[in-house]
C-alpha cells in the first residue's frame, strides 16, 4: 500500500505540530539555554544585584550567604563585588564580552562603576571573566585578576564545584577590597606519587621471590613425578 502525496503531507504536518506541542510542554528550547546580557536583571544603586544564578549552580544556603556577605562588604568598604553564573553563552560571544556588557548594563557611567567588580562564569565551558572598575584596577592588577579567574575560580570549576568556586573568590576578592594582603589562590593538594605506585626496588624484590618459589616447587614436583612414572 502506497501513501498518496496529500496523505504524506498531512502526516508531515501532524509531526511538526506534535513536535511544537512537546517543546511547548517542556518549556525549554535549545536557544533558551543560552544566556545573553538581556537575560540579566537590571540593577540600580538603590537595588544592587549581588548574585545572578541563571545556571542554578549555587545552593540555596550559599546563595543567601553570598548575598548577605557581599551586601555587608559594600556597606563596609563602599566597594561592590557581584557574581553572575550562566549555563552557556549566546553563540559567537566571548566570556569577556559578556562580562563587560553586564558591567555596562549595571553601571552605565564610569563614576557609577568606579568601585565595582563583576565576575561571571559559564558552567558549560568553565570559562570565567572579570570586569573591574577604574578605581580598583590598581587594587586588583592584571596578574591578580588572571590568578583569580584561572586559579581561585578555575581549579574548583574543573571539578564542577561551583559553590566552592564562588565562596573562594568572594573570600579572596573581599579581602583585597578590605585593604588586606592578597591571600592568593587556595592551596591544591598534591598527589604523592611514591605512595600510589610501587617502587622499582620493591617490584624487583617481589619478582625475585616469585621466581625462587616457582623453582623450588619445580625442583620438588618434577623428581616426584618422574619417580611415580618410573614405578608404574
Protein backbone atom coordinates (compact mmCIF):
# COMPACT_ATOMS: atom_id res chain seq x y z
CA UNK A 1 0.00 0.00 0.00
CA UNK A 2 1.41 3.39 -1.01
CA UNK A 3 0.61 6.73 0.57
CA UNK A 4 -0.65 9.42 -1.69
CA UNK A 5 1.27 12.73 -1.72
CA UNK A 6 -1.54 14.56 0.07
CA UNK A 7 -1.64 11.89 2.79
CA UNK A 8 2.12 12.14 3.25
CA UNK A 9 1.95 15.91 3.61
CA UNK A 10 -0.79 15.54 6.24
CA UNK A 11 1.38 13.23 8.34
CA UNK A 12 4.33 15.59 8.00
CA UNK A 13 2.21 18.48 9.24
CA UNK A 14 0.96 16.34 12.13
CA UNK A 15 4.58 15.50 13.10
CA UNK A 16 5.60 19.16 13.06
CA UNK A 17 2.55 20.07 15.16
CA UNK A 18 3.29 17.34 17.72
CA UNK A 19 6.94 18.43 17.95
CA UNK A 20 5.86 22.02 18.59
CA UNK A 21 3.42 20.88 21.30
CA UNK A 22 6.10 18.77 23.02
CA UNK A 23 8.57 21.66 23.01
CA UNK A 24 5.93 23.97 24.42
CA UNK A 25 5.05 21.47 27.16
CA UNK A 26 8.72 21.04 28.04
CA UNK A 27 9.14 24.79 28.22
CA UNK A 28 12.75 24.52 27.02
CA UNK A 29 14.18 25.17 23.59
CA UNK A 30 17.83 24.88 22.64
CA UNK A 31 18.20 28.67 22.38
CA UNK A 32 16.56 29.15 25.79
CA UNK A 33 19.55 27.53 27.46
CA UNK A 34 21.86 30.29 26.26
CA UNK A 35 22.22 33.49 28.25
CA UNK A 36 22.79 36.97 26.89
CA UNK A 37 23.13 40.28 28.66
CA UNK A 38 19.42 40.88 28.04
CA UNK A 39 18.65 37.92 30.38
CA UNK A 40 20.48 39.51 33.30
CA UNK A 41 18.21 41.61 35.56
CA UNK A 42 18.77 45.31 35.87
CA UNK A 43 20.46 46.75 38.94
CA UNK A 44 20.40 50.23 40.41
CA UNK A 45 22.30 51.98 43.16
CA UNK A 46 19.27 51.59 45.42
CA UNK A 47 18.67 47.96 44.44
CA UNK A 48 22.02 46.32 43.61
CA UNK A 49 22.25 42.75 42.37
CA UNK A 50 24.91 40.72 44.15
CA UNK A 51 24.39 37.27 42.66
CA UNK A 52 22.72 36.14 39.44
CA UNK A 53 22.49 32.36 39.15
CA UNK A 54 21.00 31.65 35.73
CA UNK A 55 22.73 28.25 35.75
CA UNK A 56 21.13 27.17 39.06
CA UNK A 57 24.62 26.14 40.16
CA UNK A 58 24.57 27.64 43.66
CA UNK A 59 22.77 26.03 46.58
CA UNK A 60 20.05 27.99 48.32
CA UNK A 61 22.07 28.21 51.52
CA UNK A 62 25.16 29.56 49.75
CA UNK A 63 23.06 31.92 47.68
CA UNK A 64 21.76 33.51 50.87
CA UNK A 65 25.24 33.56 52.39
CA UNK A 66 26.82 35.23 49.35
CA UNK A 67 24.09 37.86 49.06
CA UNK A 68 24.44 38.70 52.74
CA UNK A 69 28.25 38.84 52.78
CA UNK A 70 28.50 40.81 49.53
CA UNK A 71 25.99 43.34 50.84
CA UNK A 72 27.98 43.69 54.06
CA UNK A 73 31.21 44.11 52.07
CA UNK A 74 29.72 47.00 50.10
CA UNK A 75 28.36 48.64 53.23
CA UNK A 76 31.73 48.37 54.98
CA UNK A 77 34.10 49.31 52.16
CA UNK A 78 31.98 51.19 49.65
CA UNK A 79 33.15 48.68 47.02
CA UNK A 80 30.85 46.23 45.31
CA UNK A 81 31.53 42.66 44.25
CA UNK A 82 28.99 40.92 42.01
CA UNK A 83 28.76 37.36 40.65
CA UNK A 84 26.97 36.01 37.57
CA UNK A 85 26.68 32.28 36.82
CA UNK A 86 25.22 31.24 33.47
CA UNK A 87 24.64 27.91 31.77
CA UNK A 88 26.19 28.89 28.45
CA UNK A 89 26.81 31.96 26.32
CA UNK A 90 24.97 33.12 23.25
CA UNK A 91 26.60 31.92 20.06
CA UNK A 92 29.60 33.97 18.95
CA UNK A 93 30.05 35.82 22.24
CA UNK A 94 33.11 35.57 24.48
CA UNK A 95 33.03 35.50 28.25
CA UNK A 96 34.95 38.78 28.42
CA UNK A 97 32.43 40.49 26.12
CA UNK A 98 29.51 39.20 28.15
CA UNK A 99 31.04 40.33 31.46
CA UNK A 100 31.84 43.80 30.10
CA UNK A 101 28.27 44.14 28.82
CA UNK A 102 26.82 43.15 32.20
CA UNK A 103 29.13 45.66 33.88
CA UNK A 104 27.99 48.40 31.48
CA UNK A 105 24.35 47.46 31.99
CA UNK A 106 24.59 47.72 35.76
CA UNK A 107 26.96 50.71 35.81
CA UNK A 108 26.33 52.84 32.71
CA UNK A 109 28.78 55.60 33.66
CA UNK A 110 32.45 55.42 34.72
CA UNK A 111 31.54 57.09 38.02
CA UNK A 112 28.85 54.52 38.81
CA UNK A 113 31.18 51.58 38.23
CA UNK A 114 34.42 53.04 39.55
CA UNK A 115 34.37 50.92 42.73
CA UNK A 116 32.65 47.83 41.36
CA UNK A 117 33.79 44.34 40.33
CA UNK A 118 31.76 41.87 38.27
CA UNK A 119 32.81 38.22 37.97
CA UNK A 120 30.98 35.94 35.53
CA UNK A 121 31.35 32.21 34.90
CA UNK A 122 29.93 29.81 32.32
CA UNK A 123 29.31 26.38 33.84
CA UNK A 124 29.20 24.64 30.44
CA UNK A 125 32.75 25.58 29.42
CA UNK A 126 34.07 26.69 32.86
CA UNK A 127 35.14 29.99 31.32
CA UNK A 128 35.48 32.90 33.74
CA UNK A 129 35.93 36.64 33.20
CA UNK A 130 36.21 39.66 35.48
CA UNK A 131 35.39 43.32 34.89
CA UNK A 132 36.95 45.86 37.26
CA UNK A 133 36.03 49.49 37.85
CA UNK A 134 38.51 52.29 37.26
CA UNK A 135 39.31 52.96 40.91
CA UNK A 136 40.04 49.30 41.62
CA UNK A 137 42.31 48.44 38.71
CA UNK A 138 45.38 49.23 40.78
CA UNK A 139 43.97 47.29 43.73
CA UNK A 140 43.36 44.24 41.52
CA UNK A 141 46.14 44.39 38.89
CA UNK A 142 46.01 42.21 35.75
CA UNK A 143 48.19 39.44 37.23
CA UNK A 144 45.94 39.19 40.28
CA UNK A 145 42.82 39.21 38.12
CA UNK A 146 44.28 36.40 36.00
CA UNK A 147 45.06 34.39 39.13
CA UNK A 148 41.51 34.89 40.42
CA UNK A 149 39.88 33.67 37.21
CA UNK A 150 42.39 30.94 36.40
CA UNK A 151 43.19 29.56 39.85
CA UNK A 152 40.78 30.69 42.59
CA UNK A 153 37.78 30.04 40.34
CA UNK A 154 39.39 27.82 37.72
CA UNK A 155 40.56 24.98 39.98
CA UNK A 156 37.21 24.19 41.65
CA UNK A 157 35.31 24.71 38.38
CA UNK A 158 37.22 21.83 36.81
CA UNK A 159 35.57 19.60 39.40
CA UNK A 160 32.17 21.28 38.95
CA UNK A 161 32.49 22.67 42.49
CA UNK A 162 30.56 25.85 41.66
CA UNK A 163 29.67 26.75 45.23
CA UNK A 164 33.28 26.40 46.35
CA UNK A 165 34.49 28.46 43.39
CA UNK A 166 32.28 31.42 44.27
CA UNK A 167 32.96 31.19 48.00
CA UNK A 168 36.72 31.11 47.41
CA UNK A 169 36.51 34.04 45.01
CA UNK A 170 34.36 36.02 47.43
CA UNK A 171 36.85 35.40 50.25
CA UNK A 172 39.89 36.39 48.18
CA UNK A 173 38.44 39.44 46.43
CA UNK A 174 36.69 40.52 49.62
CA UNK A 175 39.99 40.51 51.50
CA UNK A 176 41.60 42.63 48.78
CA UNK A 177 38.74 45.13 48.75
CA UNK A 178 39.01 45.36 52.54
CA UNK A 179 42.58 46.54 52.15
CA UNK A 180 44.13 43.29 53.33
CA UNK A 181 47.01 41.49 51.65
CA UNK A 182 46.03 39.23 48.77
CA UNK A 183 45.66 35.75 50.31
CA UNK A 184 46.33 34.19 46.91
CA UNK A 185 44.64 31.14 45.40
CA UNK A 186 43.70 28.18 47.59
CA UNK A 187 46.34 25.50 48.01
CA UNK A 188 45.91 22.49 45.79
CA UNK A 189 46.71 19.14 47.39
CA UNK A 190 49.50 17.35 45.52
CA UNK A 191 49.29 13.65 44.80
CA UNK A 192 52.02 11.64 46.49
CA UNK A 193 53.22 9.54 43.57
CA UNK A 194 55.51 7.40 45.75
CA UNK A 195 52.57 6.33 47.89
CA UNK A 196 50.35 5.36 44.96
CA UNK A 197 52.86 3.44 42.82
CA UNK A 198 55.10 0.51 43.67
CA UNK A 199 58.78 1.37 43.73
CA UNK A 200 61.08 -0.29 41.21
CA UNK A 201 63.13 -1.84 44.02
CA UNK A 202 60.02 -3.39 45.55
CA UNK A 203 58.97 -4.74 42.17
CA UNK A 204 62.37 -6.36 41.62
CA UNK A 205 62.33 -7.93 45.09
CA UNK A 206 58.83 -9.30 44.60
CA UNK A 207 59.71 -10.77 41.20
CA UNK A 208 62.83 -12.46 42.59
CA UNK A 209 60.83 -14.01 45.42
CA UNK A 210 58.25 -15.39 42.99
CA UNK A 211 60.94 -16.98 40.81
CA UNK A 212 62.60 -18.63 43.83
CA UNK A 213 59.27 -20.12 44.95
CA UNK A 214 58.49 -21.38 41.43
CA UNK A 215 61.91 -23.01 41.07
CA UNK A 216 61.61 -24.71 44.47
CA UNK A 217 58.21 -26.11 43.52
CA UNK A 218 59.53 -27.39 40.21
CA UNK A 219 62.55 -28.94 41.95
CA UNK A 220 60.19 -30.82 44.25
CA UNK A 221 57.43 -31.81 41.84
CA UNK A 222 59.50 -32.94 38.85
CA UNK A 223 61.52 -35.63 40.71
CA UNK A 224 58.39 -36.94 42.43
CA UNK A 225 56.50 -37.12 39.14
CA UNK A 226 59.44 -38.89 37.48
CA UNK A 227 59.65 -41.44 40.32
CA UNK A 228 55.96 -42.31 40.21
CA UNK A 229 56.07 -42.64 36.43
CA UNK A 230 59.05 -44.98 36.69
CA UNK A 231 57.40 -47.12 39.38
CA UNK A 232 54.23 -47.53 37.38
